[in-house]
Amino acid sequence: MKKKALALMMAAALAVSALAGCGSSSKTTSATGTASGETAAESGAAGDTAAAQADGNFNETGYPIVKEPITLKVMIAIRDSDSLTDFDEMPGVKRLEEETGIHAEWEVIKGSDWKTKLNLAFASGEYPDVILATNGEGQLDDEEYGVTQGIVIPLDDLIDQYMPNFVERRDAEDNDPTTSLVASDGKIYSVGYLVGQNINTNQHYFINQEWLDALNLETPANVEELTEVLRAFKTGDPNGNGEADEIPLEMGLDIGFNGIRYMLPLFGLPCDPDKWIYIDDDKKVQFIATQDGFRDCMEWLHMLYEEGLVDPEIVSQDFNTVETKLKEGNVGFFTAWRLVAMAYDEGVASNSVLWMPDSSASLYRYLELCRPGAFVTSSNQNVPATMRWLDALLETDMMFSLYYGEQDAGEGLGWIYDENNKITVTNDGSAEVKNYIDCNTLFFAPGKYLSETFNMPEQRTEKTEYCETYDAAGIIQKYSNDYLDMAPLTSEQLQDSTLKETDINNAVVENIAAFVTAGVTDDSWNSFVSMFDGMGIADYVQMYQDAVDTMGLE
């Protein structure tokens, strides 16, 4: 178990790249790390921490956190769709104050207003003490407001010193889930938010077992056998209605879980949802679109298209259209995140089973990583108490109460402990107005902790089982492409790569459509490959290779 080894290696690499980088972006800092003056951690925050400890009001351990009550101003983002009671009237919030001795003065902001309200607060110089920005509608740029402006402070040492709940769960994981929080100066400016699932890939293949049984077919063991099965699905009337209306393979062009990216792993290319590069088993960065496996996949898909074995609308239909067809259930083979609790589960979940590719496949490895959850500002006069308060939010009973409602709240509400002392959620989500913070609260539950503490709903255990099956077969890539998103790039490199990746994606997707419908010839392939020479792909790949080389992947 490496604990935080990778995070420390990345932090060192990021610090070096931050010193080397230059430019006007918010991701750039000066050689002293003080683009807008001394950082909060080096100035006021450090002094405030010492003062808070020295004033005798702070308890290092146990509850209450403070001997005499204090108030923290907390700005929290909630989803636009949320209808919540007054925070001060929430049972969990009341209990939190009673236990900790800390009163939270909540400023609750809808996601659509978040950016405006946050900018106004920062411009005024009157900062809240804590910012909770856990959901997708409320976010905070740690590069701009942490590294550059010092409005939010680094929390690395403070987390280790004052947040035992967080640290214990973090350190129990094989891979540190907080590596995703490391900023360009090598520091972490937020307490992480994570709802783990114990999963390691988002790519799963499903085949219609009822159709296999109806035609007395064996489960195909590789792409060649799969092709023959698709042919049988087309001609054998497996649904028994006397019509040739079956869709052997259902998918779209570039539409997430049901798109062509998820066929490339069958040809040895672990393609992820974002980039057209991957890390191979030798820690080398490879460009997917010019690989032999990419051409093989395109030729296979064209053959299926010509023979009518794939939906003829493959290059034109959107995600919703594919979902509708899956829901109808007249499909033989498809890719998906999972079966249960998807929009189409009534159609295909009952007749489809997980399909196992052969050993030549290489699926993208998904890392369960934190996103930013809580920030502490430089004007906070009670930093140690604040850190302990944030950790109190993560006490198991408190965390689940703030997320789901109260323990033993009754039918359709809250959660309970079962006979095995594991948490089962009984909340059915039917309450029009919620008396708990819901997913807007701070929540840190990596996979191991969650599986030991919480009874996963069926859709999550289903996905975990699929992942375990593929992992045991050894068909998930060794080095996750997610490391590319954590690569220590300078601000200028990040800007350049973002623009280049847009151009690359447009070119690749456009040519995939042509390859699938018109086929691949030597001339069209050579023209496709040479096109990327003019786009500077070699330099793009080398940039990521240089960054990966500094990361100490093992």
Protein backbone atom coordinates (compact mmCIF):
# COMPACT_ATOMS: atom_id res chain seq x y z
CA MET A 1 0.00 0.00 0.00
CA LYS A 2 1.56 3.24 -1.12
CA LYS A 3 -0.56 5.52 1.07
CA LYS A 4 0.40 9.03 -0.01
CA ALA A 5 3.58 8.19 -1.92
CA LEU A 6 2.15 9.09 -5.30
CA ALA A 7 0.63 12.29 -3.96
CA LEU A 8 3.98 13.35 -2.55
CA MET A 9 5.77 12.56 -5.80
CA MET A 10 3.19 14.53 -7.74
CA ALA A 11 3.38 17.43 -5.33
CA ALA A 12 7.12 17.65 -5.84
CA ALA A 13 6.72 17.51 -9.61
CA LEU A 14 3.98 20.11 -9.55
CA ALA A 15 6.07 22.42 -7.44
CA VAL A 16 8.91 22.17 -9.94
CA SER A 17 6.60 22.85 -12.88
CA ALA A 18 5.05 25.80 -11.07
CA LEU A 19 8.47 27.33 -10.61
CA ALA A 20 9.32 26.74 -14.25
CA GLY A 21 6.02 27.97 -15.66
CA CYS A 22 5.25 31.49 -16.77
CA GLY A 23 2.32 33.32 -18.28
CA SER A 24 -0.75 35.28 -17.33
CA SER A 25 -3.08 32.42 -16.43
CA SER A 26 -4.48 31.90 -12.96
CA LYS A 27 -2.55 28.62 -12.87
CA THR A 28 0.73 30.55 -12.87
CA THR A 29 2.63 31.61 -9.80
CA SER A 30 5.90 33.42 -9.39
CA ALA A 31 9.13 31.78 -8.33
CA THR A 32 8.38 32.72 -4.74
CA GLY A 33 4.83 31.33 -4.87
CA THR A 34 3.43 34.80 -4.15
CA ALA A 35 1.88 36.07 -7.35
CA SER A 36 -0.34 38.40 -5.34
CA GLY A 37 1.78 38.79 -2.24
CA GLU A 38 2.57 36.39 0.55
CA THR A 39 0.18 33.43 0.64
CA ALA A 40 -2.36 33.12 3.40
CA ALA A 41 -0.60 30.09 4.85
CA GLU A 42 2.64 32.09 5.19
CA SER A 43 1.05 35.19 6.66
CA GLY A 44 -2.27 35.69 8.47
CA ALA A 45 -3.49 32.11 8.53
CA ALA A 46 -0.40 30.78 10.28
CA GLY A 47 -0.63 33.51 12.89
CA ASP A 48 -4.34 32.97 13.35
CA THR A 49 -3.74 29.26 13.87
CA ALA A 50 -1.23 29.91 16.60
CA ALA A 51 -3.50 32.49 18.22
CA ALA A 52 -6.46 30.15 18.20
CA GLN A 53 -4.42 27.47 19.92
CA ALA A 54 -2.97 29.89 22.45
CA ASP A 55 -6.21 31.51 23.54
CA GLY A 56 -7.19 28.44 25.54
CA ASN A 57 -10.62 28.08 23.94
CA PHE A 58 -9.67 25.19 21.63
CA ASN A 59 -9.80 21.48 22.51
CA GLU A 60 -7.36 19.38 20.48
CA THR A 61 -9.49 16.25 20.94
CA GLY A 62 -12.96 15.26 22.05
CA TYR A 63 -16.18 17.28 22.08
CA PRO A 64 -16.96 20.09 22.34
CA ILE A 65 -14.30 21.44 20.00
CA VAL A 66 -14.29 24.80 21.82
CA LYS A 67 -14.79 25.58 25.49
CA GLU A 68 -16.84 28.69 24.75
CA PRO A 69 -19.13 28.81 21.68
CA ILE A 70 -17.88 30.42 18.48
CA THR A 71 -19.54 31.18 15.16
CA LEU A 72 -18.26 30.24 11.72
CA LYS A 73 -19.63 31.91 8.62
CA VAL A 74 -20.27 29.14 6.10
CA MET A 75 -21.08 29.76 2.44
CA ILE A 76 -22.62 26.65 0.89
CA ALA A 77 -23.71 25.87 -2.65
CA ILE A 78 -26.86 23.83 -3.21
CA ARG A 79 -28.41 22.57 -6.40
CA ASP A 80 -31.03 24.71 -8.10
CA SER A 81 -33.47 21.82 -7.78
CA ASP A 82 -33.06 21.51 -3.99
CA SER A 83 -35.86 22.53 -1.64
CA LEU A 84 -34.43 22.55 1.88
CA THR A 85 -35.70 23.69 5.27
CA ASP A 86 -33.84 26.40 7.17
CA PHE A 87 -30.46 24.91 8.02
CA ASP A 88 -30.75 25.96 11.68
CA GLU A 89 -33.91 23.83 11.93
CA MET A 90 -32.31 20.68 10.53
CA PRO A 91 -31.94 18.00 13.25
CA GLY A 92 -28.44 17.05 12.11
CA VAL A 93 -27.26 20.64 12.06
CA LYS A 94 -28.68 21.24 15.55
CA ARG A 95 -26.91 18.16 16.87
CA LEU A 96 -23.67 19.22 15.19
CA GLU A 97 -23.76 22.53 17.04
CA GLU A 98 -24.59 20.88 20.36
CA GLU A 99 -21.70 18.44 20.05
CA THR A 100 -19.04 20.81 18.75
CA GLY A 101 -19.96 24.10 20.44
CA ILE A 102 -19.65 25.78 17.05
CA HIS A 103 -22.56 27.66 15.50
CA ALA A 104 -22.61 27.86 11.72
CA GLU A 105 -24.02 31.01 10.19
CA TRP A 106 -25.16 29.54 6.88
CA GLU A 107 -25.26 31.49 3.63
CA VAL A 108 -27.12 29.17 1.28
CA ILE A 109 -26.68 29.89 -2.44
CA LYS A 110 -28.32 28.21 -5.39
CA GLY A 111 -25.97 26.89 -8.04
CA SER A 112 -27.14 29.35 -10.70
CA ASP A 113 -26.22 32.26 -8.40
CA TRP A 114 -23.00 30.75 -7.09
CA LYS A 115 -20.41 32.33 -9.34
CA THR A 116 -21.87 35.82 -8.95
CA LYS A 117 -22.20 35.59 -5.16
CA LEU A 118 -18.75 34.08 -4.74
CA ASN A 119 -17.10 36.78 -6.84
CA LEU A 120 -18.91 39.50 -4.89
CA ALA A 121 -17.75 38.05 -1.59
CA PHE A 122 -14.16 37.85 -2.75
CA ALA A 123 -14.24 41.34 -4.26
CA SER A 124 -15.61 42.81 -1.02
CA GLY A 125 -12.79 41.40 1.08
CA GLU A 126 -15.34 40.10 3.60
CA TYR A 127 -14.85 36.39 3.21
CA PRO A 128 -16.80 33.60 4.87
CA ASP A 129 -14.77 31.37 7.15
CA VAL A 130 -15.66 28.19 5.27
CA ILE A 131 -16.82 27.53 1.72
CA LEU A 132 -18.65 24.28 0.98
CA ALA A 133 -18.76 23.70 -2.76
CA THR A 134 -19.37 19.99 -3.13
CA ASN A 135 -21.80 19.67 -6.03
CA GLY A 136 -21.30 20.37 -9.70
CA GLU A 137 -23.31 23.61 -9.60
CA GLY A 138 -21.00 25.27 -7.06
CA GLN A 139 -17.26 25.20 -7.62
CA LEU A 140 -14.17 27.16 -6.68
CA ASP A 141 -10.92 27.48 -8.63
CA ASP A 142 -8.12 26.61 -6.19
CA GLU A 143 -5.50 27.85 -8.65
CA GLU A 144 -6.99 31.34 -8.85
CA TYR A 145 -8.17 31.75 -5.27
CA GLY A 146 -5.57 29.56 -3.57
CA VAL A 147 -2.26 29.52 -5.44
CA THR A 148 -2.53 32.98 -6.98
CA GLN A 149 -4.59 35.14 -4.62
CA GLY A 150 -4.24 33.30 -1.31
CA ILE A 151 -7.91 33.80 -0.42
CA VAL A 152 -8.23 30.12 0.47
CA ILE A 153 -5.40 28.50 2.40
CA PRO A 154 -3.38 25.27 1.97
CA LEU A 155 -4.79 22.48 4.12
CA ASP A 156 -2.29 19.60 3.80
CA ASP A 157 -0.76 19.80 7.29
CA LEU A 158 -4.02 20.96 8.87
CA ILE A 159 -5.86 17.91 7.53
CA ASP A 160 -3.21 15.57 8.88
CA GLN A 161 -3.27 17.25 12.29
CA TYR A 162 -6.97 17.90 12.87
CA MET A 163 -9.02 15.55 10.67
CA PRO A 164 -8.57 11.95 11.87
CA ASN A 165 -11.76 10.70 10.22
CA PHE A 166 -10.65 12.00 6.85
CA VAL A 167 -7.05 10.78 7.25
CA GLU A 168 -8.02 7.26 8.34
CA ARG A 169 -10.28 6.76 5.33
CA ARG A 170 -7.78 8.31 2.93
CA ASP A 171 -4.88 6.20 4.12
CA ALA A 172 -6.85 2.94 4.01
CA GLU A 173 -7.06 3.13 0.21
CA ASP A 174 -4.48 1.45 -2.02
CA ASN A 175 -4.27 4.64 -4.07
CA ASP A 176 -4.57 8.04 -2.43
CA PRO A 177 -7.87 9.51 -3.67
CA THR A 178 -6.74 13.04 -2.84
CA THR A 179 -4.03 13.18 -5.53
CA SER A 180 -6.59 14.89 -7.74
CA LEU A 181 -6.65 17.86 -5.35
CA VAL A 182 -2.97 18.77 -5.65
CA ALA A 183 -2.58 22.29 -7.07
CA SER A 184 0.21 23.58 -9.29
CA ASP A 185 2.32 24.58 -6.27
CA GLY A 186 2.15 21.06 -4.85
CA LYS A 187 -0.31 21.95 -2.10
CA ILE A 188 -3.92 20.94 -1.42
CA TYR A 189 -6.41 23.76 -0.84
CA SER A 190 -9.56 21.78 -0.17
CA VAL A 191 -10.97 18.94 1.87
CA GLY A 192 -12.00 16.30 -0.62
CA TYR A 193 -15.52 15.13 -1.46
CA LEU A 194 -15.94 11.52 -2.56
CA VAL A 195 -18.76 9.02 -2.77
CA GLY A 196 -16.85 5.85 -3.60
CA GLN A 197 -18.21 2.73 -5.27
CA ASN A 198 -15.24 0.32 -5.32
CA ILE A 199 -15.13 0.40 -9.10
CA ASN A 200 -12.19 0.45 -11.49
CA THR A 201 -13.60 0.84 -15.00
CA ASN A 202 -16.57 2.48 -16.66
CA GLN A 203 -16.58 0.14 -19.66
CA HIS A 204 -18.83 -2.92 -19.67
CA TYR A 205 -20.16 -5.08 -22.49
CA PHE A 206 -23.55 -6.76 -22.41
CA ILE A 207 -25.02 -9.51 -24.57
CA ASN A 208 -28.61 -10.71 -24.85
CA GLN A 209 -28.64 -14.09 -23.12
CA GLU A 210 -32.25 -14.79 -24.13
CA TRP A 211 -31.28 -14.46 -27.77
CA LEU A 212 -28.28 -16.75 -27.30
CA ASP A 213 -30.54 -19.34 -25.69
CA ALA A 214 -33.24 -18.98 -28.34
CA LEU A 215 -30.72 -19.72 -31.11
CA ASN A 216 -28.78 -22.36 -29.10
CA LEU A 217 -25.61 -20.28 -29.36
CA GLU A 218 -22.57 -20.44 -27.11
CA THR A 219 -21.34 -17.21 -25.56
CA PRO A 220 -18.73 -15.77 -27.95
CA ALA A 221 -15.18 -15.76 -26.60
CA ASN A 222 -13.60 -13.10 -28.83
CA VAL A 223 -14.39 -10.48 -31.48
CA GLU A 224 -14.44 -13.03 -34.29
CA GLU A 225 -16.97 -15.22 -32.51
CA LEU A 226 -18.96 -12.14 -31.50
CA THR A 227 -19.24 -11.17 -35.16
CA GLU A 228 -20.73 -14.57 -35.99
CA VAL A 229 -23.21 -14.22 -33.13
CA LEU A 230 -24.27 -10.79 -34.40
CA ARG A 231 -24.91 -12.34 -37.80
CA ALA A 232 -27.07 -14.99 -36.18
CA PHE A 233 -28.97 -12.32 -34.25
CA LYS A 234 -29.74 -10.56 -37.54
CA THR A 235 -30.96 -13.58 -39.47
CA GLY A 236 -32.21 -16.04 -36.86
CA ASP A 237 -35.26 -14.16 -35.53
CA PRO A 238 -34.15 -14.53 -31.88
CA ASN A 239 -37.06 -12.45 -30.58
CA GLY A 240 -39.46 -14.87 -32.27
CA ASN A 241 -41.81 -12.34 -33.85
CA GLY A 242 -41.23 -13.47 -37.44
CA GLU A 243 -39.78 -10.10 -38.45
CA ALA A 244 -36.21 -9.05 -39.19
CA ASP A 245 -36.38 -6.17 -36.76
CA GLU A 246 -33.59 -7.07 -34.34
CA ILE A 247 -30.68 -4.67 -33.75
CA PRO A 248 -27.60 -6.91 -33.32
CA LEU A 249 -25.31 -4.11 -32.06
CA GLU A 250 -26.66 -0.84 -30.66
CA MET A 251 -24.42 2.21 -30.27
CA GLY A 252 -23.78 5.79 -31.32
CA LEU A 253 -20.76 7.71 -32.54
CA ASP A 254 -19.31 9.71 -29.64
CA ILE A 255 -22.04 9.61 -26.98
CA GLY A 256 -20.45 8.49 -23.74
CA PHE A 257 -21.12 4.99 -22.45
CA ASN A 258 -22.84 3.86 -25.64
CA GLY A 259 -20.25 5.27 -28.05
CA ILE A 260 -17.48 4.00 -30.30
CA ARG A 261 -14.79 4.88 -27.73
CA TYR A 262 -15.99 1.85 -25.79
CA MET A 263 -15.36 -0.54 -28.68
CA LEU A 264 -11.70 0.43 -28.99
CA PRO A 265 -10.65 -1.51 -25.84
CA LEU A 266 -11.65 -4.72 -27.65
CA PHE A 267 -8.74 -3.94 -29.97
CA GLY A 268 -6.23 -3.28 -27.18
CA LEU A 269 -6.76 0.49 -26.87
CA PRO A 270 -7.86 1.69 -23.38
CA CYS A 271 -9.77 4.74 -24.53
CA ASP A 272 -11.27 7.05 -21.89
CA PRO A 273 -14.13 9.56 -22.27
CA ASP A 274 -11.90 12.63 -22.57
CA LYS A 275 -8.61 12.19 -24.42
CA TRP A 276 -7.30 10.29 -27.40
CA ILE A 277 -4.08 9.28 -25.62
CA TYR A 278 -3.38 6.56 -23.06
CA ILE A 279 -0.56 5.23 -20.87
CA ASP A 280 0.69 1.77 -21.87
CA ASP A 281 2.14 -0.92 -19.61
CA ASP A 282 5.63 0.54 -20.03
CA LYS A 283 4.44 3.97 -18.83
CA LYS A 284 4.66 5.34 -22.38
CA VAL A 285 2.07 7.80 -23.61
CA GLN A 286 0.48 6.64 -26.86
CA PHE A 287 -1.77 8.40 -29.36
CA ILE A 288 -4.77 6.17 -29.98
CA ALA A 289 -5.99 7.26 -33.41
CA THR A 290 -2.89 6.21 -35.35
CA GLN A 291 -2.51 2.78 -33.74
CA ASP A 292 -3.05 -0.41 -35.74
CA GLY A 293 -5.80 -1.38 -33.30
CA PHE A 294 -7.70 1.79 -34.17
CA ARG A 295 -7.71 0.90 -37.87
CA ASP A 296 -8.71 -2.68 -37.05
CA CYS A 297 -11.66 -1.38 -35.02
CA MET A 298 -12.76 0.94 -37.82
CA GLU A 299 -12.59 -1.85 -40.39
CA TRP A 300 -14.60 -4.13 -38.11
CA LEU A 301 -17.27 -1.50 -37.53
CA HIS A 302 -17.48 -0.78 -41.27
CA MET A 303 -18.00 -4.49 -41.93
CA LEU A 304 -20.82 -4.53 -39.36
CA TYR A 305 -22.30 -1.40 -40.94
CA GLU A 306 -22.20 -2.90 -44.43
CA GLU A 307 -23.81 -6.14 -43.26
CA GLY A 308 -26.49 -4.37 -41.22
CA LEU A 309 -25.18 -5.80 -37.94
CA VAL A 310 -24.99 -2.41 -36.24
CA ASP A 311 -27.74 0.20 -35.97
CA PRO A 312 -27.71 2.02 -39.35
CA GLU A 313 -28.13 5.32 -37.48
CA ILE A 314 -24.85 4.80 -35.64
CA VAL A 315 -23.23 8.02 -36.83
CA SER A 316 -26.25 10.27 -36.46
CA GLN A 317 -28.21 9.23 -33.36
CA ASP A 318 -27.77 10.89 -30.01
CA PHE A 319 -27.65 9.45 -26.49
CA ASN A 320 -31.39 9.79 -25.91
CA THR A 321 -32.21 7.91 -29.09
CA VAL A 322 -29.92 5.04 -28.13
CA GLU A 323 -31.46 4.95 -24.64
CA THR A 324 -34.93 4.72 -26.15
CA LYS A 325 -33.93 1.78 -28.33
CA LEU A 326 -32.26 0.01 -25.40
CA LYS A 327 -35.41 0.49 -23.36
CA GLU A 328 -37.39 -1.30 -26.06
CA GLY A 329 -35.18 -4.33 -25.41
CA ASN A 330 -34.78 -5.46 -29.03
CA VAL A 331 -30.98 -5.33 -28.89
CA GLY A 332 -28.37 -8.07 -28.97
CA PHE A 333 -25.13 -6.38 -27.84
CA PHE A 334 -24.25 -2.99 -26.37
CA THR A 335 -21.96 -1.14 -23.96
CA ALA A 336 -23.11 0.57 -20.76
CA TRP A 337 -22.12 1.85 -17.34
CA ARG A 338 -24.38 -0.79 -15.75
CA LEU A 339 -27.86 -2.29 -16.24
CA VAL A 340 -29.93 -1.60 -13.13
CA ALA A 341 -31.29 1.90 -12.43
CA MET A 342 -30.51 3.17 -15.90
CA ALA A 343 -33.15 4.81 -18.07
CA TYR A 344 -33.38 1.63 -20.14
CA ASP A 345 -33.24 -1.03 -17.43
CA GLU A 346 -36.83 -2.16 -18.03
CA GLY A 347 -35.89 -3.09 -21.57
CA VAL A 348 -32.57 -4.89 -21.51
CA ALA A 349 -31.66 -5.54 -17.86
CA SER A 350 -33.80 -8.66 -17.65
CA ASN A 351 -32.36 -10.42 -20.70
CA SER A 352 -28.74 -9.23 -20.88
CA VAL A 353 -25.61 -10.40 -19.07
CA LEU A 354 -22.04 -9.16 -18.78
CA TRP A 355 -19.86 -10.26 -21.68
CA MET A 356 -16.19 -11.11 -21.14
CA PRO A 357 -13.72 -10.00 -23.84
CA ASP A 358 -10.62 -12.11 -24.43
CA SER A 359 -7.16 -11.36 -23.06
CA SER A 360 -6.25 -9.05 -25.96
CA ALA A 361 -8.69 -6.42 -24.65
CA SER A 362 -7.49 -3.48 -22.57
CA LEU A 363 -10.12 -1.44 -20.74
CA TYR A 364 -9.57 2.03 -19.34
CA ARG A 365 -8.81 1.95 -15.60
CA TYR A 366 -11.00 4.34 -13.65
CA LEU A 367 -9.60 5.88 -10.46
CA GLU A 368 -11.96 6.95 -7.70
CA LEU A 369 -10.65 10.43 -6.95
CA CYS A 370 -11.85 13.33 -4.84
CA ARG A 371 -13.28 16.53 -6.11
CA PRO A 372 -12.94 19.71 -4.01
CA GLY A 373 -15.41 19.87 -1.14
CA ALA A 374 -14.54 22.41 1.56
CA PHE A 375 -12.26 25.44 1.62
CA VAL A 376 -11.00 27.59 4.50
CA THR A 377 -10.39 31.28 3.84
CA SER A 378 -7.47 33.43 4.90
CA SER A 379 -9.66 35.59 7.13
CA ASN A 380 -10.69 32.66 9.31
CA GLN A 381 -9.64 33.37 12.92
CA ASN A 382 -10.33 29.82 14.16
CA VAL A 383 -8.54 27.55 11.73
CA PRO A 384 -7.84 24.54 14.01
CA ALA A 385 -11.43 24.60 15.33
CA THR A 386 -12.69 24.88 11.76
CA MET A 387 -10.71 21.84 10.66
CA ARG A 388 -12.07 19.81 13.57
CA TRP A 389 -15.58 21.05 12.73
CA LEU A 390 -15.15 19.85 9.14
CA ASP A 391 -14.00 16.48 10.45
CA ALA A 392 -17.07 16.37 12.72
CA LEU A 393 -19.18 16.62 9.57
CA LEU A 394 -17.52 13.34 8.55
CA GLU A 395 -18.30 11.35 11.70
CA THR A 396 -20.18 8.38 10.23
CA ASP A 397 -23.58 8.96 11.88
CA MET A 398 -23.41 12.70 11.32
CA MET A 399 -22.29 12.40 7.71
CA PHE A 400 -25.10 10.06 6.74
CA SER A 401 -27.68 12.11 8.66
CA LEU A 402 -26.69 15.29 6.87
CA TYR A 403 -26.70 13.49 3.52
CA TYR A 404 -29.82 11.28 3.84
CA GLY A 405 -31.76 12.49 6.87
CA GLU A 406 -32.01 11.24 10.43
CA GLN A 407 -31.35 7.73 11.69
CA ASP A 408 -34.57 5.75 12.34
CA ALA A 409 -36.65 8.60 10.90
CA GLY A 410 -39.40 6.30 9.70
CA GLU A 411 -40.60 4.75 6.47
CA GLY A 412 -39.30 6.50 3.37
CA LEU A 413 -36.98 8.71 5.42
CA GLY A 414 -33.40 8.71 6.66
CA TRP A 415 -31.37 5.57 7.31
CA ILE A 416 -30.97 2.67 9.76
CA TYR A 417 -28.35 0.26 11.04
CA ASP A 418 -29.17 -3.31 10.00
CA GLU A 419 -28.52 -6.49 11.96
CA ASN A 420 -24.91 -6.50 10.71
CA ASN A 421 -24.38 -2.94 11.96
CA LYS A 422 -24.19 -1.59 8.44
CA ILE A 423 -26.05 1.46 7.24
CA THR A 424 -29.06 0.99 4.98
CA VAL A 425 -30.66 4.03 3.43
CA THR A 426 -34.43 4.06 3.84
CA ASN A 427 -34.88 7.50 2.30
CA ASP A 428 -36.91 7.14 -0.89
CA GLY A 429 -36.39 10.76 -1.97
CA SER A 430 -40.09 11.56 -1.91
CA ALA A 431 -39.93 14.47 0.56
CA GLU A 432 -40.83 17.73 -1.17
CA VAL A 433 -38.84 19.75 1.36
CA LYS A 434 -35.80 18.13 2.93
CA ASN A 435 -34.64 18.65 6.51
CA TYR A 436 -31.09 17.57 5.70
CA ILE A 437 -28.36 19.06 3.53
CA ASP A 438 -28.40 16.21 0.99
CA CYS A 439 -25.48 15.85 -1.43
CA ASN A 440 -24.48 19.45 -0.76
CA THR A 441 -22.92 18.46 2.56
CA LEU A 442 -19.30 17.43 2.94
CA PHE A 443 -19.07 13.69 2.32
CA PHE A 444 -15.88 11.61 2.21
CA ALA A 445 -16.45 7.91 1.69
CA PRO A 446 -13.73 6.11 -0.30
CA GLY A 447 -14.55 2.65 -1.58
CA LYS A 448 -13.13 0.56 1.26
CA TYR A 449 -14.76 2.62 3.98
CA LEU A 450 -18.08 2.71 2.16
CA SER A 451 -18.18 -1.04 1.50
CA GLU A 452 -17.47 -1.76 5.17
CA THR A 453 -19.95 0.80 6.52
CA PHE A 454 -22.77 1.02 4.01
CA ASN A 455 -25.11 -1.43 2.31
CA MET A 456 -24.68 -0.47 -1.31
CA PRO A 457 -27.87 -0.27 -3.37
CA GLU A 458 -28.31 -2.93 -6.02
CA GLN A 459 -27.10 -0.77 -8.89
CA ARG A 460 -23.81 -0.10 -7.11
CA THR A 461 -23.09 -3.68 -6.10
CA GLU A 462 -23.95 -4.72 -9.66
CA LYS A 463 -21.31 -2.36 -11.05
CA THR A 464 -18.73 -3.39 -8.45
CA GLU A 465 -19.21 -7.05 -9.36
CA TYR A 466 -18.70 -6.28 -13.04
CA CYS A 467 -15.47 -4.44 -12.24
CA GLU A 468 -14.19 -7.28 -10.06
CA THR A 469 -14.89 -9.76 -12.85
CA TYR A 470 -12.96 -7.76 -15.44
CA ASP A 471 -10.13 -7.02 -13.02
CA ALA A 472 -9.72 -10.70 -12.18
CA ALA A 473 -9.48 -11.44 -15.92
CA GLY A 474 -6.58 -8.98 -16.23
CA ILE A 475 -8.13 -6.90 -19.00
CA ILE A 476 -8.03 -3.47 -17.31
CA GLN A 477 -5.06 -1.25 -18.12
CA LYS A 478 -2.18 -1.09 -15.63
CA TYR A 479 -1.65 2.68 -15.53
CA SER A 480 -4.85 4.68 -15.54
CA ASN A 481 -5.38 7.45 -18.07
CA ASP A 482 -6.64 9.49 -15.12
CA TYR A 483 -2.99 10.18 -14.30
CA LEU A 484 -2.90 12.30 -17.46
CA ASP A 485 -5.40 14.67 -15.85
CA MET A 486 -3.04 15.01 -12.86
CA ALA A 487 0.10 15.46 -14.95
CA PRO A 488 2.24 18.41 -13.77
CA LEU A 489 1.82 20.73 -16.74
CA THR A 490 2.56 24.42 -16.71
CA SER A 491 -0.21 26.95 -17.23
CA GLU A 492 0.88 27.55 -20.80
CA GLN A 493 0.94 23.82 -21.51
CA LEU A 494 -2.55 23.37 -20.08
CA GLN A 495 -3.93 26.13 -22.27
CA ASP A 496 -2.24 24.76 -25.38
CA SER A 497 -3.33 21.19 -24.70
CA THR A 498 -6.96 22.18 -24.17
CA LEU A 499 -7.11 23.89 -27.55
CA LYS A 500 -5.26 21.07 -29.25
CA GLU A 501 -7.50 18.40 -27.72
CA THR A 502 -10.56 20.11 -29.15
CA ASP A 503 -9.03 20.05 -32.63
CA ILE A 504 -7.93 16.44 -32.20
CA ASN A 505 -11.34 15.29 -31.05
CA ASN A 506 -13.12 17.02 -33.93
CA ALA A 507 -10.76 15.44 -36.44
CA VAL A 508 -10.94 11.95 -34.96
CA VAL A 509 -14.72 11.86 -34.60
CA GLU A 510 -15.28 13.22 -38.11
CA ASN A 511 -13.03 10.57 -39.60
CA ILE A 512 -14.55 7.79 -37.52
CA ALA A 513 -17.90 8.60 -39.10
CA ALA A 514 -16.32 8.36 -42.56
CA PHE A 515 -14.45 5.13 -41.78
CA VAL A 516 -17.56 3.42 -40.40
CA THR A 517 -19.83 4.36 -43.29
CA ALA A 518 -17.39 4.41 -46.24
CA GLY A 519 -14.67 2.06 -45.11
CA VAL A 520 -10.90 2.33 -44.68
CA THR A 521 -8.45 2.18 -47.57
CA ASP A 522 -4.68 2.52 -47.47
CA ASP A 523 -4.98 5.95 -49.01
CA SER A 524 -7.65 7.19 -46.59
CA TRP A 525 -5.75 5.74 -43.64
CA ASN A 526 -2.43 7.27 -44.67
CA SER A 527 -4.12 10.63 -45.19
CA PHE A 528 -5.72 10.35 -41.76
CA VAL A 529 -2.41 9.53 -40.06
CA SER A 530 -0.45 12.25 -41.84
CA MET A 531 -3.09 14.84 -40.87
CA PHE A 532 -1.95 14.59 -37.26
CA ASP A 533 1.66 15.39 -38.17
CA GLY A 534 0.48 18.86 -39.09
CA MET A 535 -1.35 19.16 -35.77
CA GLY A 536 1.78 18.72 -33.70
CA ILE A 537 0.74 15.40 -32.16
CA ALA A 538 4.33 14.31 -31.54
CA ASP A 539 4.98 17.38 -29.39
CA TYR A 540 1.63 16.93 -27.63
CA VAL A 541 2.41 13.31 -26.74
CA GLN A 542 5.95 14.19 -25.66
CA MET A 543 4.64 16.93 -23.38
CA TYR A 544 2.52 14.39 -21.52
CA GLN A 545 5.33 11.84 -21.59
CA ASP A 546 7.71 14.27 -19.91
CA ALA A 547 5.08 15.00 -17.26
CA VAL A 548 4.30 11.32 -16.64
CA ASP A 549 8.02 10.58 -16.27
CA THR A 550 8.14 12.88 -13.24
CA MET A 551 5.20 11.26 -11.48
CA GLY A 552 6.88 8.15 -10.11
CA LEU A 553 4.19 5.70 -11.25
CA GLU A 554 4.85 2.19 -9.94
